Protein backbone atom coordinates (compact mmCIF):
# COMPACT_ATOMS: atom_id res chain seq x y z
CA MET A 1 12.18 40.38 24.67
CA LYS A 2 15.37 42.27 23.87
CA VAL A 3 18.09 40.48 21.92
CA ARG A 4 21.61 41.86 21.78
CA VAL A 5 25.17 40.74 21.06
CA GLU A 6 28.16 41.04 23.41
CA GLN A 7 31.82 40.04 23.23
CA GLY A 8 32.76 37.64 25.98
CA ASP A 9 33.39 34.14 27.29
CA ILE A 10 30.14 32.16 27.51
CA ALA A 11 31.52 30.04 30.39
CA ARG A 12 32.07 33.13 32.54
CA TYR A 13 28.90 34.97 31.62
CA GLY A 14 26.52 35.85 34.42
CA ALA A 15 22.89 35.12 33.47
CA ASP A 16 19.96 33.11 34.77
CA ALA A 17 20.72 30.47 32.14
CA LEU A 18 23.35 29.71 29.51
CA VAL A 19 22.41 28.08 26.21
CA VAL A 20 25.01 25.93 24.46
CA ASN A 21 24.61 23.29 21.76
CA LEU A 22 25.64 19.88 20.53
CA PHE A 23 25.53 18.20 17.12
CA GLU A 24 24.21 14.68 16.97
CA GLY A 25 26.92 12.06 17.40
CA VAL A 26 29.43 14.35 19.14
CA THR A 27 30.83 12.77 22.30
CA ALA A 28 33.48 15.37 23.16
CA PRO A 29 32.03 18.91 22.99
CA GLY A 30 34.16 21.63 21.43
CA GLY A 31 33.96 25.39 20.98
CA GLY A 32 31.83 27.32 23.45
CA THR A 33 30.07 24.14 24.60
CA GLY A 34 33.47 22.58 25.31
CA ALA A 35 34.51 25.65 27.32
CA VAL A 36 31.39 25.40 29.48
CA ASP A 37 31.90 21.64 29.85
CA ALA A 38 35.46 22.20 31.08
CA ALA A 39 34.32 24.88 33.53
CA LEU A 40 31.76 22.40 34.88
CA GLY A 41 34.38 19.69 35.33
CA GLY A 42 33.10 17.63 32.41
CA ALA A 43 29.42 17.63 33.45
CA ILE A 44 28.15 17.86 29.86
CA SER A 45 30.45 15.02 28.76
CA GLN A 46 29.15 12.91 31.64
CA VAL A 47 25.55 13.46 30.58
CA ILE A 48 26.49 12.48 27.01
CA ALA A 49 28.25 9.35 28.26
CA ALA A 50 25.19 8.42 30.32
CA GLY A 51 23.09 8.51 27.16
CA ASP A 52 20.88 11.36 28.38
CA LEU A 53 22.15 13.79 25.74
CA ARG A 54 22.56 12.79 22.11
CA GLY A 55 22.38 16.11 20.26
CA LYS A 56 19.20 15.20 18.39
CA SER A 57 17.20 18.01 16.85
CA GLY A 58 14.68 19.36 19.36
CA GLU A 59 16.47 17.84 22.35
CA LEU A 60 16.85 20.21 25.33
CA VAL A 61 18.70 19.10 28.47
CA THR A 62 19.12 21.28 31.56
CA ILE A 63 22.22 20.92 33.76
CA HIS A 64 22.44 22.68 37.13
CA THR A 65 25.87 24.16 37.68
CA LEU A 66 25.91 24.08 41.52
CA GLY A 67 27.99 27.26 41.75
CA LYS A 68 30.84 26.13 39.48
CA ILE A 69 30.17 29.00 37.03
CA PRO A 70 28.25 32.27 37.47
CA ALA A 71 25.10 31.00 35.71
CA PRO A 72 22.99 28.61 37.83
CA ARG A 73 21.86 26.44 34.91
CA VAL A 74 22.99 25.43 31.44
CA LEU A 75 20.58 24.39 28.69
CA VAL A 76 22.16 22.13 26.08
CA ALA A 77 20.24 22.25 22.78
CA GLY A 78 20.52 19.45 20.28
CA LEU A 79 21.33 20.62 16.75
CA GLY A 80 20.67 17.36 14.95
CA SER A 81 22.80 16.29 12.00
CA ARG A 82 25.55 18.70 11.00
CA GLU A 83 24.80 18.08 7.31
CA GLY A 84 21.18 19.19 7.63
CA PHE A 85 21.76 22.17 9.88
CA ASP A 86 20.89 25.54 8.30
CA ILE A 87 19.56 29.00 9.12
CA ASP A 88 15.99 27.70 9.33
CA ALA A 89 17.18 25.25 11.98
CA VAL A 90 18.82 28.11 13.91
CA ARG A 91 15.56 30.07 13.86
CA ASN A 92 13.49 27.12 15.04
CA LEU A 93 16.05 26.20 17.70
CA ALA A 94 15.96 29.73 19.14
CA ALA A 95 12.16 29.56 19.27
CA ASN A 96 12.16 26.24 21.12
CA VAL A 97 14.79 27.50 23.56
CA ALA A 98 12.83 30.70 24.30
CA ARG A 99 9.76 28.63 25.19
CA ALA A 100 11.81 26.23 27.31
CA LEU A 101 13.20 29.14 29.34
CA ARG A 102 9.74 30.60 29.92
CA ARG A 103 9.48 30.19 33.70
CA PRO A 104 9.77 32.30 36.84
CA GLY A 105 13.32 33.09 37.81
CA ILE A 106 14.68 33.10 34.26
CA LYS A 107 14.57 36.63 32.94
CA ARG A 108 18.00 36.87 31.30
CA ALA A 109 19.75 34.22 29.26
CA ALA A 110 23.01 34.09 27.30
CA THR A 111 23.52 31.93 24.23
CA LEU A 112 26.11 30.86 21.75
CA ALA A 113 25.56 31.95 18.14
CA HIS A 114 24.26 28.54 17.09
CA GLY A 115 25.71 27.45 13.76
CA ALA A 116 28.32 30.19 13.57
CA GLY A 117 31.14 28.03 14.89
CA ILE A 118 31.77 24.51 13.63
CA GLY A 119 28.37 24.71 11.93
CA GLY A 120 30.01 26.96 9.33
CA LEU A 121 27.08 29.38 8.96
CA ASP A 122 27.44 33.15 8.54
CA PRO A 123 27.58 34.77 12.02
CA GLU A 124 25.38 37.70 11.00
CA ALA A 125 22.73 35.39 9.54
CA CYS A 126 22.83 33.33 12.73
CA ALA A 127 22.41 36.42 14.92
CA GLN A 128 19.40 37.55 12.89
CA ALA A 129 17.86 34.07 12.96
CA ILE A 130 18.31 33.79 16.73
CA ALA A 131 16.61 37.16 17.27
CA GLU A 132 13.75 36.24 14.94
CA GLY A 133 13.28 32.79 16.40
CA ALA A 134 13.43 33.82 20.05
CA ILE A 135 10.94 36.68 19.67
CA LEU A 136 8.61 34.74 17.37
CA GLY A 137 8.77 31.55 19.41
CA SER A 138 7.98 33.23 22.73
CA TYR A 139 4.84 34.93 21.36
CA ARG A 140 1.52 34.37 23.13
CA PHE A 141 -1.81 36.23 22.94
CA LEU A 142 -2.93 36.70 26.56
CA LYS A 143 -4.65 40.08 26.25
CA HIS A 144 -8.12 38.87 27.25
CA LYS A 145 -7.07 35.96 29.49
CA SER A 146 -6.81 35.94 33.27
CA ALA A 147 -3.43 34.45 34.05
CA SER A 148 -1.12 34.28 37.03
CA ASP A 149 2.31 35.89 37.12
CA GLU A 150 3.77 32.40 36.72
CA GLU A 151 1.68 31.78 33.58
CA ARG A 152 2.77 35.14 32.16
CA ALA A 153 6.47 34.58 32.86
CA GLU A 154 8.65 35.50 29.90
CA LEU A 155 12.32 35.69 29.06
CA GLU A 156 13.10 39.41 28.99
CA GLU A 157 16.61 39.48 27.53
CA LEU A 158 18.67 37.14 25.39
CA VAL A 159 22.36 37.95 24.93
CA ILE A 160 24.31 36.33 22.10
CA VAL A 161 27.86 35.93 23.42
CA GLU A 162 30.53 36.11 20.71
CA HIS A 163 34.18 35.43 21.54
CA ASP A 164 35.54 37.44 18.56
CA GLY A 165 34.94 41.13 19.31
CA ALA A 166 35.50 42.11 15.66
CA LYS A 167 32.31 40.29 14.68
CA VAL A 168 30.10 41.91 17.31
CA PRO A 169 29.05 45.19 15.57
CA ALA A 170 27.78 43.46 12.43
CA MET A 171 26.09 40.74 14.46
CA GLN A 172 24.41 43.38 16.63
CA ARG A 173 22.99 45.08 13.54
CA ALA A 174 21.75 41.71 12.31
CA ALA A 175 20.08 40.99 15.65
CA GLU A 176 18.38 44.39 15.54
CA ARG A 177 17.12 43.64 12.02
CA GLY A 178 15.83 40.25 13.10
CA SER A 179 14.10 41.80 16.09
CA ILE A 180 12.21 44.26 13.89
CA LEU A 181 11.13 41.52 11.49
CA ALA A 182 9.85 39.44 14.40
CA GLU A 183 8.13 42.40 16.07
CA ALA A 184 6.30 43.15 12.82
CA THR A 185 5.16 39.54 12.59
CA ASN A 186 3.90 39.67 16.17
CA ILE A 187 1.94 42.84 15.41
CA ALA A 188 0.13 40.99 12.64
CA ARG A 189 -0.39 38.02 14.96
CA ASP A 190 -1.90 40.27 17.63
CA TRP A 191 -4.37 41.73 15.17
CA ALA A 192 -5.33 38.36 13.69
CA ASN A 193 -5.86 36.85 17.16
CA GLU A 194 -7.98 39.81 18.29
CA PRO A 195 -11.74 39.16 18.57
CA SER A 196 -13.69 41.02 15.91
CA ASN A 197 -15.60 43.14 18.45
CA HIS A 198 -12.23 44.50 19.52
CA LEU A 199 -10.99 45.09 15.97
CA THR A 200 -13.58 46.57 13.64
CA PRO A 201 -12.52 48.28 10.39
CA THR A 202 -12.54 51.60 12.24
CA MET A 203 -10.32 50.20 14.98
CA MET A 204 -7.95 48.75 12.37
CA ALA A 205 -7.62 52.21 10.83
CA GLU A 206 -6.85 53.68 14.24
CA ARG A 207 -4.17 51.09 14.94
CA ALA A 208 -2.68 51.58 11.48
CA GLU A 209 -2.53 55.32 12.05
CA ALA A 210 -0.67 54.80 15.34
CA LEU A 211 1.91 52.58 13.61
CA ALA A 212 2.26 55.13 10.81
CA ARG A 213 2.99 57.91 13.29
CA GLU A 214 5.54 55.76 15.10
CA ALA A 215 7.45 54.82 11.94
CA GLY A 216 7.05 58.01 9.89
CA LEU A 217 4.71 56.57 7.25
CA GLU A 218 2.21 58.40 5.10
CA PHE A 219 -1.33 57.59 6.22
CA GLU A 220 -4.67 57.89 4.46
CA VAL A 221 -8.12 56.33 4.83
CA LEU A 222 -10.81 56.32 2.19
CA GLU A 223 -14.30 56.41 3.69
CA ARG A 224 -17.45 54.98 2.11
CA ALA A 225 -18.20 58.24 0.28
CA ASP A 226 -14.66 58.34 -1.12
CA MET A 227 -15.02 54.77 -2.38
CA GLU A 228 -18.37 55.59 -3.95
CA ARG A 229 -16.81 58.53 -5.82
CA LYS A 230 -14.08 56.24 -7.13
CA GLY A 231 -16.61 53.67 -8.31
CA MET A 232 -15.44 50.91 -5.97
CA GLY A 233 -18.64 48.92 -6.27
CA SER A 234 -16.89 45.59 -5.78
CA LEU A 235 -15.51 46.42 -2.34
CA LEU A 236 -18.68 48.26 -1.30
CA SER A 237 -20.84 45.30 -2.23
CA VAL A 238 -19.22 43.32 0.59
CA ALA A 239 -19.74 46.15 3.10
CA LYS A 240 -23.46 46.57 2.39
CA GLY A 241 -24.65 44.07 5.00
CA SER A 242 -22.77 45.50 8.00
CA VAL A 243 -23.47 48.44 10.26
CA GLU A 244 -19.71 48.90 10.60
CA PRO A 245 -18.40 51.39 8.02
CA PRO A 246 -15.73 50.10 5.61
CA LYS A 247 -12.26 51.62 5.62
CA LEU A 248 -9.71 51.54 2.81
CA ILE A 249 -6.37 52.13 4.53
CA ARG A 250 -3.22 53.30 2.77
CA LEU A 251 0.27 53.57 4.25
CA GLY A 252 3.23 54.86 2.28
CA TRP A 253 6.98 54.72 2.81
CA ARG A 254 9.26 56.70 0.47
CA GLY A 255 12.57 55.13 1.36
CA ARG A 256 14.36 56.02 -1.89
CA GLY A 257 12.60 59.38 -2.23
CA GLY A 258 11.14 60.81 -5.39
CA ASP A 259 7.92 59.91 -7.15
CA GLY A 260 6.38 56.56 -7.91
CA TRP A 261 5.86 53.40 -5.92
CA ASP A 262 8.22 50.48 -6.45
CA LEU A 263 5.91 48.04 -4.69
CA ALA A 264 2.32 47.88 -3.47
CA LEU A 265 1.40 45.36 -0.80
CA VAL A 266 -2.35 44.75 -0.76
CA GLY A 267 -4.00 42.72 2.00
CA LYS A 268 -7.51 41.35 2.47
CA GLY A 269 -9.11 42.94 5.53
CA ILE A 270 -12.38 41.17 6.32
CA THR A 271 -12.58 41.79 10.07
CA PHE A 272 -15.29 39.17 10.37
CA ASP A 273 -16.63 36.89 7.67
CA THR A 274 -20.02 35.26 8.17
CA GLY A 275 -20.17 34.48 4.46
CA GLY A 276 -22.92 37.07 4.01
CA ILE A 277 -26.16 35.78 2.52
CA SER A 278 -24.24 32.63 1.51
CA ILE A 279 -23.74 32.11 5.22
CA LYS A 280 -21.07 29.77 6.55
CA PRO A 281 -21.81 26.78 8.81
CA ALA A 282 -21.76 27.65 12.52
CA ALA A 283 -18.95 25.21 13.29
CA ASN A 284 -15.60 27.03 13.55
CA MET A 285 -17.04 30.34 12.37
CA GLU A 286 -15.27 32.03 15.29
CA ALA A 287 -12.02 31.59 13.34
CA MET A 288 -13.30 34.11 10.81
CA LYS A 289 -12.14 36.92 13.08
CA ALA A 290 -8.77 36.31 11.40
CA ASP A 291 -9.99 36.90 7.85
CA MET A 292 -8.19 40.24 8.03
CA THR A 293 -4.77 38.61 8.35
CA GLY A 294 -3.69 39.86 4.92
CA ALA A 295 -4.44 43.47 5.84
CA ALA A 296 -2.63 43.18 9.16
CA SER A 297 0.35 41.61 7.40
CA VAL A 298 0.84 44.34 4.80
CA ILE A 299 0.46 47.09 7.40
CA ALA A 300 3.00 45.41 9.68
CA ALA A 301 5.39 44.86 6.76
CA ALA A 302 5.26 48.56 5.80
CA TRP A 303 5.93 49.52 9.43
CA ALA A 304 9.01 47.27 9.49
CA LEU A 305 10.34 48.56 6.16
CA ALA A 306 10.13 52.09 7.51
CA ARG A 307 11.82 51.08 10.78
CA LEU A 308 14.60 49.43 8.78
CA GLY A 309 15.00 52.44 6.48
CA ALA A 310 14.50 50.33 3.35
CA LYS A 311 15.58 52.17 0.18
CA VAL A 312 12.29 51.49 -1.55
CA ASN A 313 9.02 53.33 -2.10
CA VAL A 314 6.30 51.03 -0.87
CA LEU A 315 2.53 51.20 -0.44
CA ALA A 316 0.45 49.10 1.94
CA ILE A 317 -3.23 49.04 1.02
CA ALA A 318 -5.77 47.36 3.28
CA PRO A 319 -9.46 47.16 2.23
CA CYS A 320 -11.30 46.53 5.50
CA THR A 321 -14.93 45.62 6.10
CA GLU A 322 -17.14 43.03 7.72
CA ASN A 323 -19.08 40.56 5.58
CA MET A 324 -22.49 40.25 7.23
CA PRO A 325 -25.99 39.05 6.26
CA SER A 326 -28.81 41.57 6.58
CA GLY A 327 -31.67 43.11 4.64
CA SER A 328 -29.23 45.43 2.92
CA ALA A 329 -26.60 42.77 2.08
CA THR A 330 -25.56 41.89 -1.45
CA LYS A 331 -27.44 38.84 -2.75
CA PRO A 332 -26.33 35.97 -4.98
CA GLY A 333 -27.12 36.94 -8.56
CA ASP A 334 -26.44 40.66 -8.05
CA VAL A 335 -24.12 42.41 -10.51
CA VAL A 336 -21.65 45.03 -9.27
CA THR A 337 -19.07 47.21 -11.01
CA ALA A 338 -15.46 47.53 -9.89
CA MET A 339 -13.32 50.66 -10.04
CA ASN A 340 -11.90 49.74 -13.46
CA GLY A 341 -15.38 49.28 -14.95
CA ARG A 342 -15.31 45.48 -14.93
CA THR A 343 -18.73 44.02 -14.03
CA ILE A 344 -19.02 41.09 -11.66
CA GLU A 345 -21.86 38.63 -11.15
CA ILE A 346 -21.97 37.66 -7.48
CA ILE A 347 -22.64 33.94 -7.36
CA ASN A 348 -21.49 33.35 -3.79
CA THR A 349 -21.25 36.16 -1.23
CA ASP A 350 -18.75 34.06 0.74
CA ALA A 351 -16.22 34.63 -2.05
CA GLU A 352 -15.83 38.19 -0.78
CA GLY A 353 -12.09 38.55 -0.30
CA ARG A 354 -11.44 38.74 -4.01
CA LEU A 355 -14.09 41.45 -4.29
CA VAL A 356 -12.36 43.78 -1.83
CA LEU A 357 -8.94 43.03 -3.31
CA ALA A 358 -10.16 43.89 -6.81
CA ASP A 359 -10.83 47.55 -6.03
CA ALA A 360 -7.79 47.85 -3.76
CA ILE A 361 -5.55 46.59 -6.57
CA CYS A 362 -7.21 49.00 -9.00
CA TRP A 363 -6.34 51.81 -6.59
CA ALA A 364 -2.74 50.59 -6.37
CA ASN A 365 -2.56 50.81 -10.16
CA GLU A 366 -4.09 54.30 -10.12
CA LEU A 367 -1.43 55.38 -7.61
CA GLY A 368 1.28 54.15 -9.97
CA ALA A 369 2.53 50.94 -8.36
CA GLN A 370 5.24 49.28 -10.46
CA ARG A 371 4.68 45.89 -8.79
CA ILE A 372 1.78 44.49 -6.78
CA VAL A 373 1.80 41.67 -4.25
CA ASP A 374 -1.49 40.77 -2.61
CA VAL A 375 -1.89 38.50 0.40
CA ALA A 376 -5.13 36.94 1.57
CA THR A 377 -6.75 34.14 3.50
CA LEU A 378 -8.67 33.61 0.28
CA THR A 379 -9.72 29.99 -0.25
CA GLY A 380 -10.39 26.83 1.68
CA ALA A 381 -9.27 25.01 -1.44
CA VAL A 382 -5.63 25.92 -0.77
CA THR A 383 -5.75 23.91 2.46
CA THR A 384 -7.01 20.90 0.52
CA ALA A 385 -4.18 21.33 -1.99
CA LEU A 386 -1.25 22.20 0.28
CA GLY A 387 -2.30 21.61 3.89
CA ASP A 388 -0.60 23.75 6.53
CA VAL A 389 2.94 23.23 5.25
CA CYS A 390 3.18 26.00 2.66
CA TYR A 391 1.17 28.71 0.93
CA ALA A 392 0.28 29.17 -2.71
CA LEU A 393 1.65 31.73 -5.14
CA MET A 394 0.06 32.70 -8.46
CA THR A 395 1.39 35.35 -10.80
CA ASN A 396 1.41 37.10 -14.14
CA ASP A 397 5.17 37.73 -13.93
CA ASP A 398 7.80 35.02 -13.46
CA ALA A 399 10.58 37.40 -12.42
CA LEU A 400 8.58 38.99 -9.61
CA CYS A 401 7.35 35.60 -8.43
CA ARG A 402 10.92 34.31 -8.21
CA GLN A 403 11.77 37.30 -6.01
CA VAL A 404 8.81 36.53 -3.76
CA GLU A 405 9.85 32.87 -3.55
CA GLU A 406 13.38 33.87 -2.53
CA ALA A 407 12.07 36.37 0.03
CA ALA A 408 9.79 33.72 1.55
CA ALA A 409 12.56 31.11 1.64
CA ALA A 410 14.80 33.56 3.50
CA ALA A 411 12.03 33.87 6.10
CA GLY A 412 11.81 30.10 6.50
CA GLU A 413 8.45 29.98 4.72
CA LYS A 414 7.65 27.35 2.10
CA THR A 415 5.71 28.34 -1.01
CA TRP A 416 4.33 26.54 -4.04
CA ARG A 417 3.47 28.16 -7.35
CA LEU A 418 0.19 27.14 -8.99
CA PRO A 419 -0.44 27.47 -12.74
CA MET A 420 -2.35 30.36 -14.27
CA TRP A 421 -3.08 28.84 -17.68
CA LYS A 422 -5.57 30.63 -19.91
CA GLU A 423 -7.90 27.62 -19.80
CA TYR A 424 -8.83 28.63 -16.24
CA ASP A 425 -10.26 31.92 -17.55
CA GLU A 426 -13.25 29.91 -18.74
CA TYR A 427 -14.13 29.05 -15.15
CA ILE A 428 -15.11 32.63 -14.26
CA LYS A 429 -17.03 33.56 -17.43
CA SER A 430 -20.52 34.89 -16.75
CA ASP A 431 -23.62 35.00 -18.96
CA VAL A 432 -24.71 38.37 -17.53
CA ALA A 433 -21.48 40.21 -16.61
CA ASP A 434 -17.80 40.40 -17.48
CA CYS A 435 -17.02 37.71 -14.91
CA ARG A 436 -18.41 35.79 -11.98
CA ASN A 437 -16.83 35.68 -8.53
CA VAL A 438 -16.62 31.88 -8.27
CA GLY A 439 -16.02 29.10 -10.76
CA ALA A 440 -18.86 27.75 -12.86
CA GLY A 441 -20.08 24.28 -11.99
CA ASN A 442 -18.07 21.92 -9.82
CA ARG A 443 -14.78 22.01 -11.73
CA GLY A 444 -12.40 22.43 -8.78
CA ALA A 445 -9.21 24.53 -8.89
CA GLY A 446 -10.73 26.89 -6.34
CA THR A 447 -7.46 28.54 -5.37
CA ILE A 448 -6.49 29.18 -8.99
CA VAL A 449 -10.00 30.48 -9.77
CA GLY A 450 -9.63 33.03 -6.96
CA ALA A 451 -6.38 34.25 -8.49
CA LYS A 452 -7.88 34.23 -11.99
CA PHE A 453 -10.64 36.51 -10.75
CA ILE A 454 -8.08 38.98 -9.35
CA GLU A 455 -5.68 38.89 -12.30
CA PRO A 456 -7.54 41.30 -14.65
CA PHE A 457 -7.59 43.99 -11.96
CA ALA A 458 -3.79 43.91 -11.81
CA GLY A 459 -3.74 44.36 -15.58
CA LYS A 460 -0.26 44.63 -17.06
CA THR A 461 1.38 45.45 -13.73
CA PRO A 462 3.64 42.62 -12.48
CA TRP A 463 1.59 40.91 -9.78
CA VAL A 464 1.83 38.02 -7.33
CA HIS A 465 -1.07 36.61 -5.33
CA MET A 466 -0.32 34.87 -2.01
CA ASP A 467 -3.09 32.62 -0.68
CA ILE A 468 -2.16 31.98 2.96
CA ALA A 469 -5.46 30.45 4.13
CA GLY A 470 -3.86 27.08 4.87
CA VAL A 471 -1.09 28.44 7.09
CA ASP A 472 -2.65 31.45 8.77
CA ASN A 473 -3.73 29.64 11.96
CA MET A 474 -1.87 26.82 13.69
CA PRO A 475 -3.15 24.31 16.27
CA SER A 476 0.11 24.17 18.24
CA ASP A 477 3.63 25.56 18.55
CA ARG A 478 6.02 24.38 15.83
CA GLY A 479 9.46 26.00 15.77
CA TRP A 480 9.09 29.73 15.18
CA VAL A 481 5.38 29.25 14.40
CA THR A 482 3.16 29.52 17.47
CA LYS A 483 -0.35 28.38 18.26
CA GLY A 484 -3.01 30.65 16.76
CA ALA A 485 -2.19 33.29 14.19
CA SER A 486 1.06 32.24 12.51
CA GLY A 487 2.30 35.49 10.99
CA TYR A 488 3.13 33.82 7.68
CA SER A 489 3.95 36.24 4.80
CA VAL A 490 4.97 39.26 6.93
CA ARG A 491 8.73 38.65 6.87
CA ALA A 492 8.54 37.46 3.26
CA MET A 493 7.12 40.84 2.23
CA ILE A 494 9.69 42.70 4.33
CA ASN A 495 12.49 40.69 2.71
CA LEU A 496 11.06 41.48 -0.73
CA GLY A 497 10.99 45.20 0.03
CA LEU A 498 14.56 45.14 1.36
CA ALA A 499 15.77 43.24 -1.71
CA LEU A 500 14.11 45.69 -4.09
CA GLY A 501 15.74 48.56 -2.20
CA GLU A 502 19.17 46.94 -2.49
CA GLY A 503 18.69 46.22 -6.20
């Protein structure tokens, strides 16, 4: 879908559908909705009077224009209460509208800039949110599915019609920015939805290289021999059971120029997770094709930052491997050594994500990253703690974590910070190595223990860990979030990179 902004009169705009809006409790529409109502001879007011349109959040009512205006149909979207209406609501509204217009015969729609009129919101922010919401909300993964043309019908163009021509250039730039953020999220969604036989570590490296070429990013892949030379025994211990070779992918964007890396984004890339020797139950194991969501997210975020010309030097590092059981696989009780010399007792081979992140974060430090943010579908415990409403943050640096929280909030993503008190260090103490990869005994705090394991590999570098396991896959559409891979964290990381570049 292409989203753009034009100056014009919404009531006179020729499109397959017009989208206007109504706050709850309004009986006499004003602004652009009022102009369309007048052009239709009061049709919208009549529907309101009949009680079929109340302006409630999520309400969508279609009115056929019968030739009174150029567009054959008008979709009136309820905005809900004016007091509770914000940019997140604009984003979700645009997503719901894009899905509602997904039918044959509707290829081009025109919309008001929801919230930018009597809603009192910034027009540029509204334009960006509409672009994000429409592109994110219309996402579907149909690559391997036989579907009719009717089932594949999509809205191809959405035009935001703005009456004030002076506002159009800035709103157009905002819509372009929102489109790139949404496209990056959909790239990560595509990869996370892809079956693992269609996305091995080698294939991930190939796709990452193609994105790097497109956006002008540095690209590098460490092979198994390279990792062995660097002493990455933690990552390699996970790869031992698979016939698929591991790949450690690095993308780089030097947006401010010069040396050094302002930010490293590190993402867990387990392209399929059986649990290894500590094998998972068969039920729902197919979902483990998405255990590489973190890697897909950091790669997509770097691509977007390059496309946006962010004035920041950023790394994206993706340690990719399968976690499989075999005669060569790592066994519970084995001891391995990470790149920084820290020894690890493997208690549970299904706690593998932290093992690949450990060496990837060590490499980020070796490359000179000034800040590190890692993202992973790391623990089932985070779902128990937070459900599918928000994701967990853990950190060694309050200032960086606040920046991540702000970046996530700007993306419409909820986060919750969990404590990293020193008492939790006791949970990962080992009798035979420097640490163990899961907590001792049945003491709980599984999400925090995962972060506590990773923390020493970040060292003194400001670091934030994002555990997105609870929100990475959704059972149904919900606003800008769509069924399947959600794309959580991608736009948060892009927003963080943009903010660091502006600072």
